[in-house]
Amino acid sequence: MRFDELLTRSDGPAIAEQLAALRRPARYVLEGIHQESRQKYSQFRVDVDEAAQTWSLVRQRDKPVSYRDGVLHEPDDGPIEVPFARSMVPSPVVRMAVPDLMLRWGRSPESFHPILVQHVGEHSILLTFEHHEDPAFRTTLVVDERDGIARRSYEHGEATIITSVRTAQPDEVLPRARFVQPTDWTRPEY
């Protein structure tokens, strides 16, 4: 990965591949907070197994969404057959587990591409993206280089923060998600 130098749109797909190479095949359970404004937020839990091509998303105030056997199960739309990568498009918090599938790498027709990759803290990579039609429109993503999973995403005035990541056994049954209201802001652990 090229650190601390300006990148071009054509560099984006290679960076996405390098981030994908950091991940190890496993079933991951992520918990976090998606914040739309200072006072509007929702908590979530994502259970994703990239190798098995399955995932589920439980959100604090919404109905669960899941993907299994090539079918996306959304409560409002019913079952829809889609490929694994496309199944995550309506669920940006799910893509935190598989950041190379985010729509930010300058691949056609993606509007954003990385312009800067930096180390931050002891084990994190900070990526800055810019919109191809407006260089002042920027977003950021922090990926943990130990597992290739995104921990923080800032875009369109919204923040997604992963507060915990753990591996799960392929046959493990997760307990019902319980969300505890935060009492303070989520401090970064870079």
C-alpha atoms as a PDB file:
ATOM      1  CA  MET A   1       0.000   0.000   0.000  1.00  0.00           C
ATOM      2  CA  ARG A   2       1.274   3.466  -0.808  1.00  0.00           C
ATOM      3  CA  PHE A   3       1.179   5.571   2.355  1.00  0.00           C
ATOM      4  CA  ASP A   4       1.364   9.360   2.689  1.00  0.00           C
ATOM      5  CA  GLU A   5       1.238  10.230  -1.001  1.00  0.00           C
ATOM      6  CA  LEU A   6      -1.551  11.530  -3.203  1.00  0.00           C
ATOM      7  CA  LEU A   7      -3.308   8.841  -5.195  1.00  0.00           C
ATOM      8  CA  THR A   8      -5.281   8.866  -8.422  1.00  0.00           C
ATOM      9  CA  ARG A   9      -8.633   7.292  -9.223  1.00  0.00           C
ATOM     10  CA  SER A  10      -6.884   4.381 -10.953  1.00  0.00           C
ATOM     11  CA  ASP A  11      -5.103   3.443  -7.664  1.00  0.00           C
ATOM     12  CA  GLY A  12      -8.392   2.681  -5.876  1.00  0.00           C
ATOM     13  CA  PRO A  13      -9.105  -0.901  -7.028  1.00  0.00           C
ATOM     14  CA  ALA A  14      -5.592  -2.061  -6.049  1.00  0.00           C
ATOM     15  CA  ILE A  15      -5.978  -0.537  -2.571  1.00  0.00           C
ATOM     16  CA  ALA A  16      -9.318  -2.330  -2.153  1.00  0.00           C
ATOM     17  CA  GLU A  17      -7.600  -5.623  -3.057  1.00  0.00           C
ATOM     18  CA  GLN A  18      -4.797  -4.975  -0.567  1.00  0.00           C
ATOM     19  CA  LEU A  19      -7.332  -4.332   2.204  1.00  0.00           C
ATOM     20  CA  ALA A  20      -9.204  -7.529   1.278  1.00  0.00           C
ATOM     21  CA  ALA A  21      -5.923  -9.452   1.644  1.00  0.00           C
ATOM     22  CA  LEU A  22      -5.742  -8.363   5.317  1.00  0.00           C
ATOM     23  CA  ARG A  23      -8.900 -10.328   6.196  1.00  0.00           C
ATOM     24  CA  ARG A  24      -8.784 -13.951   7.255  1.00  0.00           C
ATOM     25  CA  PRO A  25     -11.666 -16.275   6.387  1.00  0.00           C
ATOM     26  CA  ALA A  26     -13.903 -16.369   9.445  1.00  0.00           C
ATOM     27  CA  ARG A  27     -17.347 -15.578  10.719  1.00  0.00           C
ATOM     28  CA  TYR A  28     -17.264 -12.133  12.325  1.00  0.00           C
ATOM     29  CA  VAL A  29     -19.729 -10.493  14.675  1.00  0.00           C
ATOM     30  CA  LEU A  30     -19.548  -6.702  14.747  1.00  0.00           C
ATOM     31  CA  GLU A  31     -21.435  -4.354  17.024  1.00  0.00           C
ATOM     32  CA  GLY A  32     -21.602  -0.632  16.610  1.00  0.00           C
ATOM     33  CA  ILE A  33     -23.401   2.669  16.346  1.00  0.00           C
ATOM     34  CA  HIS A  34     -24.592   4.557  13.278  1.00  0.00           C
ATOM     35  CA  GLN A  35     -24.955   8.250  14.057  1.00  0.00           C
ATOM     36  CA  GLU A  36     -26.916  10.522  11.722  1.00  0.00           C
ATOM     37  CA  SER A  37     -26.803  13.607  13.927  1.00  0.00           C
ATOM     38  CA  ARG A  38     -25.732  14.535  17.412  1.00  0.00           C
ATOM     39  CA  GLN A  39     -28.966  13.198  18.867  1.00  0.00           C
ATOM     40  CA  LYS A  40     -30.090  10.625  16.283  1.00  0.00           C
ATOM     41  CA  TYR A  41     -28.295   7.309  16.353  1.00  0.00           C
ATOM     42  CA  SER A  42     -29.025   3.604  16.156  1.00  0.00           C
ATOM     43  CA  GLN A  43     -27.090   0.602  17.364  1.00  0.00           C
ATOM     44  CA  PHE A  44     -26.613  -2.578  15.372  1.00  0.00           C
ATOM     45  CA  ARG A  45     -25.103  -6.044  15.272  1.00  0.00           C
ATOM     46  CA  VAL A  46     -23.760  -7.600  12.065  1.00  0.00           C
ATOM     47  CA  ASP A  47     -23.004 -11.308  11.708  1.00  0.00           C
ATOM     48  CA  VAL A  48     -21.092 -11.931   8.469  1.00  0.00           C
ATOM     49  CA  ASP A  49     -19.369 -14.988   7.037  1.00  0.00           C
ATOM     50  CA  GLU A  50     -17.757 -13.993   3.753  1.00  0.00           C
ATOM     51  CA  ALA A  51     -16.658 -17.537   2.878  1.00  0.00           C
ATOM     52  CA  ALA A  52     -20.189 -18.917   3.386  1.00  0.00           C
ATOM     53  CA  GLN A  53     -21.620 -15.766   1.751  1.00  0.00           C
ATOM     54  CA  THR A  54     -24.108 -15.112   4.533  1.00  0.00           C
ATOM     55  CA  TRP A  55     -24.846 -12.147   6.735  1.00  0.00           C
ATOM     56  CA  SER A  56     -27.489 -10.800   9.064  1.00  0.00           C
ATOM     57  CA  LEU A  57     -28.101  -7.325  10.430  1.00  0.00           C
ATOM     58  CA  VAL A  58     -30.059  -6.531  13.573  1.00  0.00           C
ATOM     59  CA  ARG A  59     -30.681  -2.838  14.142  1.00  0.00           C
ATOM     60  CA  GLN A  60     -31.968  -1.184  17.269  1.00  0.00           C
ATOM     61  CA  ARG A  61     -35.202   0.213  15.854  1.00  0.00           C
ATOM     62  CA  ASP A  62     -35.660  -1.736  12.620  1.00  0.00           C
ATOM     63  CA  LYS A  63     -36.583  -5.195  11.504  1.00  0.00           C
ATOM     64  CA  PRO A  64     -33.712  -7.632  10.833  1.00  0.00           C
ATOM     65  CA  VAL A  65     -32.255  -8.019   7.343  1.00  0.00           C
ATOM     66  CA  SER A  66     -30.325 -11.087   6.186  1.00  0.00           C
ATOM     67  CA  TYR A  67     -28.652 -12.742   3.221  1.00  0.00           C
ATOM     68  CA  ARG A  68     -28.330 -16.513   2.752  1.00  0.00           C
ATOM     69  CA  ASP A  69     -28.240 -18.921  -0.201  1.00  0.00           C
ATOM     70  CA  GLY A  70     -28.133 -16.081  -2.735  1.00  0.00           C
ATOM     71  CA  VAL A  71     -31.288 -14.429  -1.392  1.00  0.00           C
ATOM     72  CA  LEU A  72     -31.599 -11.068   0.363  1.00  0.00           C
ATOM     73  CA  HIS A  73     -34.382 -11.074   2.951  1.00  0.00           C
ATOM     74  CA  GLU A  74     -35.651  -7.549   3.620  1.00  0.00           C
ATOM     75  CA  PRO A  75     -38.769  -7.117   5.748  1.00  0.00           C
ATOM     76  CA  ASP A  76     -40.375  -4.541   3.441  1.00  0.00           C
ATOM     77  CA  ASP A  77     -39.404  -5.983   0.047  1.00  0.00           C
ATOM     78  CA  GLY A  78     -39.468  -9.717   0.712  1.00  0.00           C
ATOM     79  CA  PRO A  79     -36.883 -12.149  -0.696  1.00  0.00           C
ATOM     80  CA  ILE A  80     -34.756 -10.954  -3.647  1.00  0.00           C
ATOM     81  CA  GLU A  81     -32.122 -12.995  -5.475  1.00  0.00           C
ATOM     82  CA  VAL A  82     -28.870 -11.013  -5.727  1.00  0.00           C
ATOM     83  CA  PRO A  83     -25.130 -11.741  -5.677  1.00  0.00           C
ATOM     84  CA  PHE A  84     -23.348 -11.499  -2.300  1.00  0.00           C
ATOM     85  CA  ALA A  85     -21.574  -8.188  -3.068  1.00  0.00           C
ATOM     86  CA  ARG A  86     -24.785  -6.503  -4.279  1.00  0.00           C
ATOM     87  CA  SER A  87     -26.709  -7.754  -1.257  1.00  0.00           C
ATOM     88  CA  MET A  88     -24.763  -5.307   0.915  1.00  0.00           C
ATOM     89  CA  VAL A  89     -25.543  -2.168  -1.096  1.00  0.00           C
ATOM     90  CA  PRO A  90     -28.637  -1.186   0.946  1.00  0.00           C
ATOM     91  CA  SER A  91     -26.813  -1.985   4.209  1.00  0.00           C
ATOM     92  CA  PRO A  92     -23.692   0.196   4.529  1.00  0.00           C
ATOM     93  CA  VAL A  93     -23.058  -0.989   8.092  1.00  0.00           C
ATOM     94  CA  VAL A  94     -22.689  -4.570   6.803  1.00  0.00           C
ATOM     95  CA  ARG A  95     -19.964  -3.423   4.405  1.00  0.00           C
ATOM     96  CA  MET A  96     -17.862  -2.365   7.404  1.00  0.00           C
ATOM     97  CA  ALA A  97     -16.966  -6.075   7.718  1.00  0.00           C
ATOM     98  CA  VAL A  98     -15.959  -6.227   4.038  1.00  0.00           C
ATOM     99  CA  PRO A  99     -14.718  -2.708   3.220  1.00  0.00           C
ATOM    100  CA  ASP A 100     -13.424  -3.627  -0.249  1.00  0.00           C
ATOM    101  CA  LEU A 101     -17.076  -4.117  -1.233  1.00  0.00           C
ATOM    102  CA  MET A 102     -17.899  -0.511  -0.330  1.00  0.00           C
ATOM    103  CA  LEU A 103     -18.697   1.787  -3.229  1.00  0.00           C
ATOM    104  CA  ARG A 104     -15.647   4.022  -2.729  1.00  0.00           C
ATOM    105  CA  TRP A 105     -12.777   2.583  -4.745  1.00  0.00           C
ATOM    106  CA  GLY A 106     -13.030   4.463  -8.042  1.00  0.00           C
ATOM    107  CA  ARG A 107     -14.384   1.457  -9.906  1.00  0.00           C
ATOM    108  CA  SER A 108     -16.909   2.362 -12.546  1.00  0.00           C
ATOM    109  CA  PRO A 109     -19.504   3.785 -11.731  1.00  0.00           C
ATOM    110  CA  GLU A 110     -18.381   4.641  -8.154  1.00  0.00           C
ATOM    111  CA  SER A 111     -18.303   8.363  -7.423  1.00  0.00           C
ATOM    112  CA  PHE A 112     -15.589   8.255  -4.752  1.00  0.00           C
ATOM    113  CA  HIS A 113     -11.978   7.108  -4.868  1.00  0.00           C
ATOM    114  CA  PRO A 114      -9.137   7.085  -2.334  1.00  0.00           C
ATOM    115  CA  ILE A 115      -6.719   9.999  -2.485  1.00  0.00           C
ATOM    116  CA  LEU A 116      -4.649   9.366   0.644  1.00  0.00           C
ATOM    117  CA  VAL A 117      -3.725   6.357   2.789  1.00  0.00           C
ATOM    118  CA  GLN A 118      -2.082   6.959   6.181  1.00  0.00           C
ATOM    119  CA  HIS A 119      -1.164   5.033   9.301  1.00  0.00           C
ATOM    120  CA  VAL A 120      -2.982   6.294  12.362  1.00  0.00           C
ATOM    121  CA  GLY A 121      -2.356   5.009  15.868  1.00  0.00           C
ATOM    122  CA  GLU A 122      -0.738   1.621  16.418  1.00  0.00           C
ATOM    123  CA  HIS A 123      -2.741  -0.645  14.094  1.00  0.00           C
ATOM    124  CA  SER A 124      -5.043   1.384  11.889  1.00  0.00           C
ATOM    125  CA  ILE A 125      -5.128   2.675   8.347  1.00  0.00           C
ATOM    126  CA  LEU A 126      -6.908   5.962   7.624  1.00  0.00           C
ATOM    127  CA  LEU A 127      -8.220   6.320   4.074  1.00  0.00           C
ATOM    128  CA  THR A 128      -9.442   9.628   2.699  1.00  0.00           C
ATOM    129  CA  PHE A 129     -11.742   9.561  -0.332  1.00  0.00           C
ATOM    130  CA  GLU A 130     -12.847  12.353  -2.640  1.00  0.00           C
ATOM    131  CA  HIS A 131     -15.764  12.677  -5.009  1.00  0.00           C
ATOM    132  CA  HIS A 132     -14.663  12.640  -8.638  1.00  0.00           C
ATOM    133  CA  GLU A 133     -16.830  15.663  -9.538  1.00  0.00           C
ATOM    134  CA  ASP A 134     -16.149  17.730  -6.408  1.00  0.00           C
ATOM    135  CA  PRO A 135     -12.690  17.417  -4.822  1.00  0.00           C
ATOM    136  CA  ALA A 136     -13.887  19.291  -1.715  1.00  0.00           C
ATOM    137  CA  PHE A 137     -16.430  16.519  -0.996  1.00  0.00           C
ATOM    138  CA  ARG A 138     -14.500  14.015   1.131  1.00  0.00           C
ATOM    139  CA  THR A 139     -15.165  10.981   3.309  1.00  0.00           C
ATOM    140  CA  THR A 140     -12.932   8.874   5.535  1.00  0.00           C
ATOM    141  CA  LEU A 141     -12.632   5.261   6.577  1.00  0.00           C
ATOM    142  CA  VAL A 142     -10.486   3.667   9.293  1.00  0.00           C
ATOM    143  CA  VAL A 143      -9.535   0.007   8.769  1.00  0.00           C
ATOM    144  CA  ASP A 144      -7.823  -2.142  11.379  1.00  0.00           C
ATOM    145  CA  GLU A 145      -4.761  -3.617   9.671  1.00  0.00           C
ATOM    146  CA  ARG A 146      -4.827  -6.660  11.986  1.00  0.00           C
ATOM    147  CA  ASP A 147      -8.056  -8.008  10.437  1.00  0.00           C
ATOM    148  CA  GLY A 148      -9.006  -5.762   7.493  1.00  0.00           C
ATOM    149  CA  ILE A 149     -12.329  -4.765   9.064  1.00  0.00           C
ATOM    150  CA  ALA A 150     -13.412  -1.110   9.004  1.00  0.00           C
ATOM    151  CA  ARG A 151     -13.845   0.472  12.428  1.00  0.00           C
ATOM    152  CA  ARG A 152     -15.012   3.985  11.537  1.00  0.00           C
ATOM    153  CA  SER A 153     -16.672   5.529   8.514  1.00  0.00           C
ATOM    154  CA  TYR A 154     -17.545   9.180   8.058  1.00  0.00           C
ATOM    155  CA  GLU A 155     -19.595  10.146   5.029  1.00  0.00           C
ATOM    156  CA  HIS A 156     -22.431  12.533   4.182  1.00  0.00           C
ATOM    157  CA  GLY A 157     -22.340  13.947   7.726  1.00  0.00           C
ATOM    158  CA  GLU A 158     -22.958  10.508   9.240  1.00  0.00           C
ATOM    159  CA  ALA A 159     -20.655   8.284  11.275  1.00  0.00           C
ATOM    160  CA  THR A 160     -20.584   4.520  11.603  1.00  0.00           C
ATOM    161  CA  ILE A 161     -18.454   3.286  14.495  1.00  0.00           C
ATOM    162  CA  ILE A 162     -17.708  -0.358  15.207  1.00  0.00           C
ATOM    163  CA  THR A 163     -17.437  -0.817  18.974  1.00  0.00           C
ATOM    164  CA  SER A 164     -16.585  -4.531  19.047  1.00  0.00           C
ATOM    165  CA  VAL A 165     -15.460  -7.298  16.694  1.00  0.00           C
ATOM    166  CA  ARG A 166     -15.177 -10.979  17.503  1.00  0.00           C
ATOM    167  CA  THR A 167     -14.977 -14.217  15.585  1.00  0.00           C
ATOM    168  CA  ALA A 168     -17.752 -16.770  15.946  1.00  0.00           C
ATOM    169  CA  GLN A 169     -17.907 -20.470  15.240  1.00  0.00           C
ATOM    170  CA  PRO A 170     -19.673 -21.365  11.963  1.00  0.00           C
ATOM    171  CA  ASP A 171     -22.471 -23.168  13.833  1.00  0.00           C
ATOM    172  CA  GLU A 172     -22.679 -20.802  16.815  1.00  0.00           C
ATOM    173  CA  VAL A 173     -26.165 -19.521  17.589  1.00  0.00           C
ATOM    174  CA  LEU A 174     -25.997 -15.898  18.683  1.00  0.00           C
ATOM    175  CA  PRO A 175     -28.092 -14.714  21.607  1.00  0.00           C
ATOM    176  CA  ARG A 176     -30.683 -12.053  20.948  1.00  0.00           C
ATOM    177  CA  ALA A 177     -29.026  -8.669  20.352  1.00  0.00           C
ATOM    178  CA  ARG A 178     -29.201  -6.360  23.356  1.00  0.00           C
ATOM    179  CA  PHE A 179     -28.472  -2.691  22.945  1.00  0.00           C
ATOM    180  CA  VAL A 180     -27.410  -0.561  25.897  1.00  0.00           C
ATOM    181  CA  GLN A 181     -27.762   3.182  25.503  1.00  0.00           C
ATOM    182  CA  PRO A 182     -24.330   4.846  25.319  1.00  0.00           C
ATOM    183  CA  THR A 183     -23.481   7.229  28.133  1.00  0.00           C
ATOM    184  CA  ASP A 184     -20.536   8.909  26.412  1.00  0.00           C
ATOM    185  CA  TRP A 185     -19.056   9.285  22.950  1.00  0.00           C
ATOM    186  CA  THR A 186     -17.238   6.279  21.519  1.00  0.00           C
ATOM    187  CA  ARG A 187     -13.530   6.927  21.816  1.00  0.00           C
ATOM    188  CA  PRO A 188     -11.296   5.790  18.967  1.00  0.00           C
ATOM    189  CA  GLU A 189      -8.902   2.900  19.495  1.00  0.00           C
ATOM    190  CA  TYR A 190      -6.414   3.237  16.679  1.00  0.00           C
END
